[in-house]
Amino acid sequence: MAACSISRRGAVGLALLATASLALPGCSPTGERDDAELGLAALGEPTPVPLSRATQFSLDAYEGGYRLATLASGDRLLIAPEGAEAPSGLPGDVAVAQRPLENVYLASTGMICLVDAIGALDAIGVSSVRPEDSPTQAFAERLESGEISYGGIYRAPDYELISAAGCPLAIENTNIDHVPEVRAKLEELGVTVLMEQSSREEDMLGRLEWVRLMGALFDREDEAAEVFDDVAARVEEASAEGPLGRAVAFFYLNEDGAAVTRRDGDYFAQMIEAAGGEYVSFAEEGATDSSPTTVTVEMERFYEGARGADVIIYNGTIDDGVDTLEALVEKNALLADFAAVRSGDVWTCDANLYQQITSMADIISDLRAALSGSGEPAAFFWRLS
């Protein structure tokens, strides 16, 4: 049998082999290929698709237009080109998406702007997003016109609608991990499930680079490359003005009155720093709760660490937000003693801020304007008074 070869899987961090006797996925201890890998072997040797920032997925290109996406979760998705079929004998962990894709069920809000940017909205038939929650106008208009049907929230989708529409693919985010029964039901209906993991990217441009996977899915790889290169260049330009020496606290208060902040090094903290700010962060030690993206601290500890911040940005993407300084202080009286509250340098943000990744350069420019007082932000932030 043919010698075993393993395609690049940088997104899942495969280690270099220490000994030749170590068993490899798809191989026997003697180096022979298991029958389950023969399907991929039929496609020939893969060529890695270069990625500059993303670490949570990799792409391999095969002759004939096939693409294999390997996700950090371990999922693999073979994208078969139009007019071709997936080879038989694929490993059990390899799902298949057949181009051209139509009537896709899009449940990941974060992918909407990427799909929109590459001109692939025609391929979306059902969504878990309502028009008022859409991060792009074009997507909202399609929902309002009925070109895209609302299919219920991700944890309680309208299975009957999804089945009737013949959705071949569901693009979910990592929330689907919390409701494995939903994924199982979708797959039972014959829907291939892709769980995008852009929220786990450490680099802010890593999130944006998921546009390349969307490009591979919808046969718009050239458009995806153009979007990434253009936005990345504008981000570099927007980030080139240097530090302002102003400390920035970004948070919201949860139902328990604790402050929920983004982790140090988080992509939004990176955007604050790219805009010239110094992000006020909190270590996980002593936190009441933490997640891959946030650290939650009691208000007393937050007061000690953030009361001297030059600028406050209240995170209006999670709760109902605040409209005035008075409403902010009503959430907790300690906020009245914060330097930024006393100086009136308090801002809030657009509710869909996290889902506007293709607008990253504009967000950084808006942040720069807010932090420096050089002008009014254009779209994403506004001052509380």
Protein backbone atom coordinates (compact mmCIF):
# COMPACT_ATOMS: atom_id res chain seq x y z
CA MET A 1 0.00 0.00 0.00
CA ALA A 2 1.07 3.59 -0.50
CA ALA A 3 3.08 5.31 2.21
CA CYS A 4 1.06 7.50 4.51
CA SER A 5 1.07 11.26 4.02
CA ILE A 6 -0.58 13.78 6.33
CA SER A 7 -1.92 17.10 5.03
CA ARG A 8 -0.91 20.29 6.87
CA ARG A 9 -3.04 20.85 9.94
CA GLY A 10 -1.46 23.87 11.54
CA ALA A 11 -4.80 24.90 13.03
CA VAL A 12 -4.77 21.92 15.37
CA GLY A 13 -1.08 22.08 16.19
CA LEU A 14 0.11 18.60 15.11
CA ALA A 15 3.53 18.03 16.64
CA LEU A 16 6.54 16.83 14.70
CA LEU A 17 7.07 13.11 15.12
CA ALA A 18 9.61 12.13 17.74
CA THR A 19 9.97 8.56 16.56
CA ALA A 20 9.06 6.73 13.40
CA SER A 21 7.11 4.18 15.39
CA LEU A 22 4.55 6.69 16.71
CA ALA A 23 1.11 5.98 15.23
CA LEU A 24 -0.33 8.69 12.96
CA PRO A 25 -3.98 9.49 12.18
CA GLY A 26 -4.99 7.43 9.19
CA CYS A 27 -1.87 5.25 9.39
CA SER A 28 -0.98 1.92 10.91
CA PRO A 29 2.09 1.70 13.20
CA THR A 30 4.02 0.37 10.19
CA GLY A 31 3.34 3.52 8.18
CA GLU A 32 0.68 2.00 5.94
CA ARG A 33 -2.51 3.92 5.19
CA ASP A 34 -5.75 2.77 6.77
CA ASP A 35 -8.63 2.10 4.39
CA ALA A 36 -10.50 5.09 5.85
CA GLU A 37 -7.91 7.49 4.41
CA LEU A 38 -8.07 6.11 0.88
CA GLY A 39 -10.77 8.61 -0.09
CA LEU A 40 -8.49 11.58 0.54
CA ALA A 41 -5.54 9.76 -1.07
CA ALA A 42 -7.55 9.57 -4.28
CA LEU A 43 -7.36 13.37 -4.50
CA GLY A 44 -3.56 13.36 -4.69
CA GLU A 45 -1.11 15.41 -2.67
CA PRO A 46 -2.51 18.57 -1.05
CA THR A 47 -1.02 22.04 -1.30
CA PRO A 48 -1.42 24.19 1.83
CA VAL A 49 -3.31 27.43 1.25
CA PRO A 50 -1.19 30.18 2.88
CA LEU A 51 -2.79 31.86 5.90
CA SER A 52 -1.10 34.86 7.48
CA ARG A 53 -3.00 35.35 10.75
CA ALA A 54 -5.64 32.68 11.38
CA THR A 55 -4.68 29.74 13.60
CA GLN A 56 -8.04 28.06 14.21
CA PHE A 57 -8.34 26.48 10.77
CA SER A 58 -6.18 25.43 7.86
CA LEU A 59 -6.96 24.85 4.20
CA ASP A 60 -5.48 22.34 1.83
CA ALA A 61 -5.98 22.59 -1.93
CA TYR A 62 -6.22 19.51 -4.14
CA GLU A 63 -6.19 19.18 -7.89
CA GLY A 64 -9.56 19.62 -9.52
CA GLY A 65 -10.67 22.37 -7.14
CA TYR A 66 -11.19 20.31 -3.98
CA ARG A 67 -10.47 22.01 -0.66
CA LEU A 68 -10.05 20.41 2.76
CA ALA A 69 -10.67 22.61 5.79
CA THR A 70 -9.28 21.36 9.11
CA LEU A 71 -10.62 23.16 12.17
CA ALA A 72 -9.01 23.52 15.58
CA SER A 73 -11.90 21.51 17.05
CA GLY A 74 -10.76 18.53 14.99
CA ASP A 75 -13.61 18.75 12.48
CA ARG A 76 -12.71 18.40 8.82
CA LEU A 77 -14.75 19.56 5.84
CA LEU A 78 -14.09 18.55 2.27
CA ILE A 79 -15.40 21.10 -0.22
CA ALA A 80 -16.14 19.41 -3.54
CA PRO A 81 -16.16 21.59 -6.68
CA GLU A 82 -19.16 21.97 -8.96
CA GLY A 83 -19.63 19.01 -11.26
CA ALA A 84 -17.46 16.71 -9.16
CA GLU A 85 -18.30 14.29 -6.38
CA ALA A 86 -16.55 13.58 -3.12
CA PRO A 87 -14.47 10.40 -3.37
CA SER A 88 -15.76 7.29 -1.63
CA GLY A 89 -14.08 5.94 1.47
CA LEU A 90 -13.62 9.26 3.27
CA PRO A 91 -12.68 9.11 6.95
CA GLY A 92 -15.63 9.34 9.30
CA ASP A 93 -14.54 12.74 10.63
CA VAL A 94 -14.62 14.35 7.18
CA ALA A 95 -17.92 16.02 6.30
CA VAL A 96 -18.66 17.14 2.76
CA ALA A 97 -19.95 20.39 1.28
CA GLN A 98 -20.82 20.24 -2.42
CA ARG A 99 -20.52 23.38 -4.52
CA PRO A 100 -22.44 25.29 -5.68
CA LEU A 101 -23.99 25.82 -2.28
CA GLU A 102 -27.59 27.08 -2.16
CA ASN A 103 -30.08 27.65 0.67
CA VAL A 104 -27.35 27.59 3.31
CA TYR A 105 -28.52 27.98 6.92
CA LEU A 106 -26.40 30.79 8.40
CA ALA A 107 -26.57 30.90 12.19
CA SER A 108 -23.22 32.59 12.86
CA THR A 109 -23.76 36.34 12.98
CA GLY A 110 -20.02 36.90 12.76
CA MET A 111 -19.84 35.34 9.29
CA ILE A 112 -22.55 37.58 7.79
CA CYS A 113 -20.26 40.48 6.98
CA LEU A 114 -17.69 38.10 5.50
CA VAL A 115 -20.22 36.35 3.26
CA ASP A 116 -21.60 39.76 2.29
CA ALA A 117 -18.14 41.13 1.52
CA ILE A 118 -17.38 38.36 -0.98
CA GLY A 119 -20.78 38.72 -2.69
CA ALA A 120 -22.18 35.34 -1.64
CA LEU A 121 -25.47 36.34 0.02
CA ASP A 122 -27.39 34.68 -2.82
CA ALA A 123 -26.34 31.33 -1.36
CA ILE A 124 -28.02 31.95 2.01
CA GLY A 125 -31.59 30.68 2.34
CA VAL A 126 -32.25 30.55 6.09
CA SER A 127 -30.80 32.42 9.06
CA SER A 128 -31.08 32.58 12.84
CA VAL A 129 -30.66 36.36 12.67
CA ARG A 130 -33.58 38.81 12.60
CA PRO A 131 -33.39 41.92 10.38
CA GLU A 132 -32.94 44.26 13.35
CA ASP A 133 -29.94 42.23 14.53
CA SER A 134 -28.18 42.02 11.19
CA PRO A 135 -24.70 43.57 11.07
CA THR A 136 -25.11 44.50 7.39
CA GLN A 137 -27.88 46.34 5.58
CA ALA A 138 -27.84 43.99 2.60
CA PHE A 139 -28.49 40.96 4.79
CA ALA A 140 -31.29 42.76 6.67
CA GLU A 141 -32.95 43.70 3.38
CA ARG A 142 -32.93 40.09 2.22
CA LEU A 143 -34.54 38.99 5.46
CA GLU A 144 -37.20 41.68 5.16
CA SER A 145 -37.94 40.77 1.54
CA GLY A 146 -38.18 37.05 2.28
CA GLU A 147 -35.19 36.13 0.10
CA ILE A 148 -33.72 34.78 3.34
CA SER A 149 -36.12 33.14 5.80
CA TYR A 150 -35.85 33.51 9.55
CA GLY A 151 -35.34 30.01 10.93
CA GLY A 152 -35.42 30.54 14.69
CA ILE A 153 -32.58 31.06 17.17
CA TYR A 154 -29.57 28.77 16.99
CA ARG A 155 -30.55 26.74 20.07
CA ALA A 156 -34.11 26.20 18.84
CA PRO A 157 -34.06 26.25 15.03
CA ASP A 158 -37.08 25.66 12.84
CA TYR A 159 -36.18 22.16 11.71
CA GLU A 160 -39.25 21.89 9.51
CA LEU A 161 -38.28 25.04 7.60
CA ILE A 162 -34.63 23.99 7.32
CA SER A 163 -35.67 20.58 6.01
CA ALA A 164 -38.21 22.01 3.57
CA ALA A 165 -35.65 24.48 2.23
CA GLY A 166 -33.21 21.66 1.61
CA CYS A 167 -30.38 23.40 3.45
CA PRO A 168 -27.20 21.44 2.65
CA LEU A 169 -24.98 23.29 5.12
CA ALA A 170 -25.36 25.05 8.46
CA ILE A 171 -22.71 27.60 9.42
CA GLU A 172 -22.75 27.81 13.22
CA ASN A 173 -20.49 29.49 15.75
CA THR A 174 -19.07 27.92 18.91
CA ASN A 175 -22.39 28.33 20.75
CA ILE A 176 -23.51 25.15 19.01
CA ASP A 177 -21.22 23.27 21.41
CA HIS A 178 -23.66 24.17 24.21
CA VAL A 179 -26.55 22.47 22.43
CA PRO A 180 -25.11 19.27 20.93
CA GLU A 181 -28.63 17.94 20.44
CA VAL A 182 -29.25 20.69 17.88
CA ARG A 183 -26.18 19.71 15.90
CA ALA A 184 -27.21 16.06 16.08
CA LYS A 185 -30.71 16.87 14.81
CA LEU A 186 -29.41 18.97 11.93
CA GLU A 187 -27.08 16.18 10.88
CA GLU A 188 -29.94 13.70 11.19
CA LEU A 189 -31.80 15.85 8.64
CA GLY A 190 -28.84 15.58 6.29
CA VAL A 191 -27.42 19.04 6.98
CA THR A 192 -23.63 19.31 7.15
CA VAL A 193 -22.66 21.43 10.16
CA LEU A 194 -19.64 23.75 10.06
CA MET A 195 -18.78 25.28 13.45
CA GLU A 196 -16.69 28.35 12.68
CA GLN A 197 -14.25 29.26 15.45
CA SER A 198 -13.21 32.78 14.56
CA SER A 199 -14.04 33.95 18.12
CA ARG A 200 -11.12 31.83 19.35
CA GLU A 201 -8.57 33.62 17.19
CA GLU A 202 -6.03 35.52 19.29
CA ASP A 203 -5.08 37.94 16.53
CA MET A 204 -7.66 40.52 15.45
CA LEU A 205 -6.81 39.91 11.81
CA GLY A 206 -7.08 36.18 12.43
CA ARG A 207 -10.82 36.67 12.82
CA LEU A 208 -10.94 38.46 9.51
CA GLU A 209 -9.00 35.70 7.75
CA TRP A 210 -11.97 33.35 8.14
CA VAL A 211 -13.11 35.13 4.99
CA ARG A 212 -10.78 32.74 3.15
CA LEU A 213 -12.78 29.75 4.36
CA MET A 214 -16.01 31.46 3.32
CA GLY A 215 -14.38 32.09 -0.06
CA ALA A 216 -13.54 28.41 -0.41
CA LEU A 217 -17.09 27.39 0.50
CA PHE A 218 -18.78 29.73 -1.95
CA ASP A 219 -16.20 29.54 -4.76
CA ARG A 220 -15.06 33.12 -4.23
CA GLU A 221 -11.48 32.64 -3.16
CA ASP A 222 -10.14 35.54 -5.23
CA GLU A 223 -12.75 37.86 -3.74
CA ALA A 224 -11.89 36.63 -0.24
CA ALA A 225 -8.19 37.27 -0.76
CA GLU A 226 -8.96 40.77 -2.01
CA VAL A 227 -11.17 41.51 1.01
CA PHE A 228 -8.55 40.30 3.47
CA ASP A 229 -5.67 42.15 1.84
CA ASP A 230 -7.66 45.38 1.55
CA VAL A 231 -8.93 45.39 5.14
CA ALA A 232 -5.54 44.33 6.54
CA ALA A 233 -3.81 47.18 4.67
CA ARG A 234 -6.34 49.71 5.96
CA VAL A 235 -5.96 48.36 9.51
CA GLU A 236 -2.20 48.82 9.26
CA GLU A 237 -2.70 52.39 8.06
CA ALA A 238 -5.25 53.16 10.81
CA SER A 239 -2.89 51.72 13.44
CA ALA A 240 0.16 53.71 12.37
CA GLU A 241 -0.47 56.92 14.29
CA GLY A 242 1.11 55.77 17.55
CA PRO A 243 0.15 55.72 21.24
CA LEU A 244 -1.90 58.45 22.87
CA GLY A 245 -0.97 57.61 26.46
CA ARG A 246 -4.61 57.28 27.53
CA ALA A 247 -5.87 54.36 29.61
CA VAL A 248 -9.14 52.80 28.40
CA ALA A 249 -11.58 50.64 30.40
CA PHE A 250 -14.00 48.56 28.34
CA PHE A 251 -16.67 46.62 30.25
CA TYR A 252 -20.29 46.01 31.08
CA LEU A 253 -21.98 45.17 34.40
CA ASN A 254 -23.70 41.81 34.63
CA GLU A 255 -26.84 40.95 36.59
CA ASP A 256 -24.76 40.37 39.73
CA GLY A 257 -23.20 43.83 39.50
CA ALA A 258 -19.77 42.51 38.55
CA ALA A 259 -17.70 44.02 35.74
CA VAL A 260 -17.18 41.84 32.67
CA THR A 261 -14.04 42.86 30.80
CA ARG A 262 -12.26 41.52 27.74
CA ARG A 263 -9.09 39.54 28.34
CA ASP A 264 -5.72 41.20 27.96
CA GLY A 265 -4.61 40.56 24.38
CA ASP A 266 -8.18 39.91 23.23
CA TYR A 267 -8.87 41.09 19.69
CA PHE A 268 -10.90 44.10 20.91
CA ALA A 269 -8.17 45.02 23.37
CA GLN A 270 -5.81 44.86 20.37
CA MET A 271 -8.04 47.31 18.48
CA ILE A 272 -7.99 49.72 21.44
CA GLU A 273 -4.19 49.54 21.45
CA ALA A 274 -4.06 49.90 17.67
CA ALA A 275 -6.07 53.11 18.11
CA GLY A 276 -3.44 54.43 20.53
CA GLY A 277 -5.07 53.49 23.82
CA GLU A 278 -3.70 51.56 26.80
CA TYR A 279 -6.17 48.82 27.65
CA VAL A 280 -7.00 48.35 31.34
CA SER A 281 -6.97 44.58 31.87
CA PHE A 282 -7.54 42.26 34.80
CA ALA A 283 -5.75 39.01 35.53
CA GLU A 284 -7.77 35.83 35.78
CA GLU A 285 -6.49 35.31 39.32
CA GLY A 286 -9.12 36.64 41.68
CA ALA A 287 -11.80 36.73 39.00
CA THR A 288 -15.30 35.50 39.82
CA ASP A 289 -15.61 33.99 36.36
CA SER A 290 -13.65 33.74 33.15
CA SER A 291 -14.02 32.49 29.62
CA PRO A 292 -11.73 32.30 26.60
CA THR A 293 -12.58 35.96 25.86
CA THR A 294 -13.65 37.63 29.13
CA VAL A 295 -12.67 38.10 32.77
CA THR A 296 -15.36 38.94 35.34
CA VAL A 297 -14.34 40.80 38.52
CA GLU A 298 -16.23 42.11 41.52
CA MET A 299 -16.99 45.81 41.36
CA GLU A 300 -14.65 46.68 44.23
CA ARG A 301 -11.70 45.14 42.39
CA PHE A 302 -12.75 46.79 39.15
CA TYR A 303 -12.95 50.12 40.98
CA GLU A 304 -9.39 49.73 42.24
CA GLY A 305 -8.03 48.89 38.81
CA ALA A 306 -10.05 51.13 36.50
CA ARG A 307 -11.15 54.23 38.41
CA GLY A 308 -8.17 56.20 37.07
CA ALA A 309 -8.83 55.27 33.42
CA ASP A 310 -8.86 58.29 31.13
CA VAL A 311 -11.65 56.86 28.98
CA ILE A 312 -14.52 54.48 29.65
CA ILE A 313 -16.27 52.56 26.89
CA TYR A 314 -19.37 50.81 28.15
CA ASN A 315 -19.89 47.57 26.24
CA GLY A 316 -23.40 47.82 24.82
CA THR A 317 -23.12 44.62 22.77
CA ILE A 318 -24.27 42.30 25.56
CA ASP A 319 -26.88 43.90 27.83
CA ASP A 320 -29.33 46.69 27.02
CA GLY A 321 -26.55 49.24 27.31
CA VAL A 322 -26.87 52.78 28.62
CA ASP A 323 -27.92 56.04 26.98
CA THR A 324 -26.70 58.62 29.51
CA LEU A 325 -24.05 59.10 32.17
CA GLU A 326 -26.84 59.13 34.74
CA ALA A 327 -28.03 55.71 33.59
CA LEU A 328 -24.47 54.39 33.83
CA VAL A 329 -24.00 55.60 37.40
CA GLU A 330 -27.39 54.14 38.33
CA LYS A 331 -25.92 50.73 37.58
CA ASN A 332 -23.40 51.24 40.38
CA ALA A 333 -22.76 54.38 42.44
CA LEU A 334 -19.01 53.67 42.55
CA LEU A 335 -18.80 54.65 38.88
CA ALA A 336 -19.45 58.29 39.81
CA ASP A 337 -15.92 58.41 41.26
CA PHE A 338 -14.21 57.21 38.08
CA ALA A 339 -11.94 59.82 36.46
CA ALA A 340 -13.54 59.34 33.05
CA VAL A 341 -17.04 59.85 34.47
CA ARG A 342 -15.95 63.06 36.20
CA SER A 343 -14.36 64.36 33.00
CA GLY A 344 -17.25 63.22 30.80
CA ASP A 345 -15.02 60.96 28.70
CA VAL A 346 -17.46 58.06 28.66
CA TRP A 347 -18.56 56.29 25.49
CA THR A 348 -20.69 53.38 24.45
CA CYS A 349 -20.71 51.30 21.29
CA ASP A 350 -22.88 49.87 18.56
CA ALA A 351 -24.69 46.68 19.57
CA ASN A 352 -23.30 44.81 16.54
CA LEU A 353 -19.72 45.94 17.06
CA TYR A 354 -18.35 42.40 17.40
CA GLN A 355 -19.99 41.31 14.15
CA GLN A 356 -18.45 44.07 12.01
CA ILE A 357 -15.05 42.50 11.48
CA THR A 358 -14.74 43.75 7.88
CA SER A 359 -15.09 47.29 9.30
CA MET A 360 -12.08 46.82 11.58
CA ALA A 361 -10.13 49.75 10.14
CA ASP A 362 -13.13 52.06 10.55
CA ILE A 363 -13.63 50.85 14.14
CA ILE A 364 -10.00 51.63 14.95
CA SER A 365 -10.34 55.09 13.36
CA ASP A 366 -13.51 55.72 15.38
CA LEU A 367 -11.72 54.63 18.54
CA ARG A 368 -8.84 56.97 17.74
CA ALA A 369 -11.23 59.87 17.35
CA ALA A 370 -12.92 59.07 20.67
CA LEU A 371 -9.66 58.65 22.60
CA SER A 372 -7.89 61.67 21.15
CA GLY A 373 -10.77 64.12 20.93
CA SER A 374 -9.70 64.79 17.36
CA GLY A 375 -13.25 64.50 16.06
CA GLU A 376 -16.51 62.68 16.45
CA PRO A 377 -16.56 58.96 15.67
CA ALA A 378 -18.46 58.26 12.49
CA ALA A 379 -20.43 55.11 13.23
CA PHE A 380 -19.46 52.77 16.03
CA PHE A 381 -19.10 54.85 19.24
CA TRP A 382 -20.89 57.77 20.82
CA ARG A 383 -20.33 59.85 23.92
CA LEU A 384 -22.64 59.59 26.91
CA SER A 385 -23.83 62.87 28.37
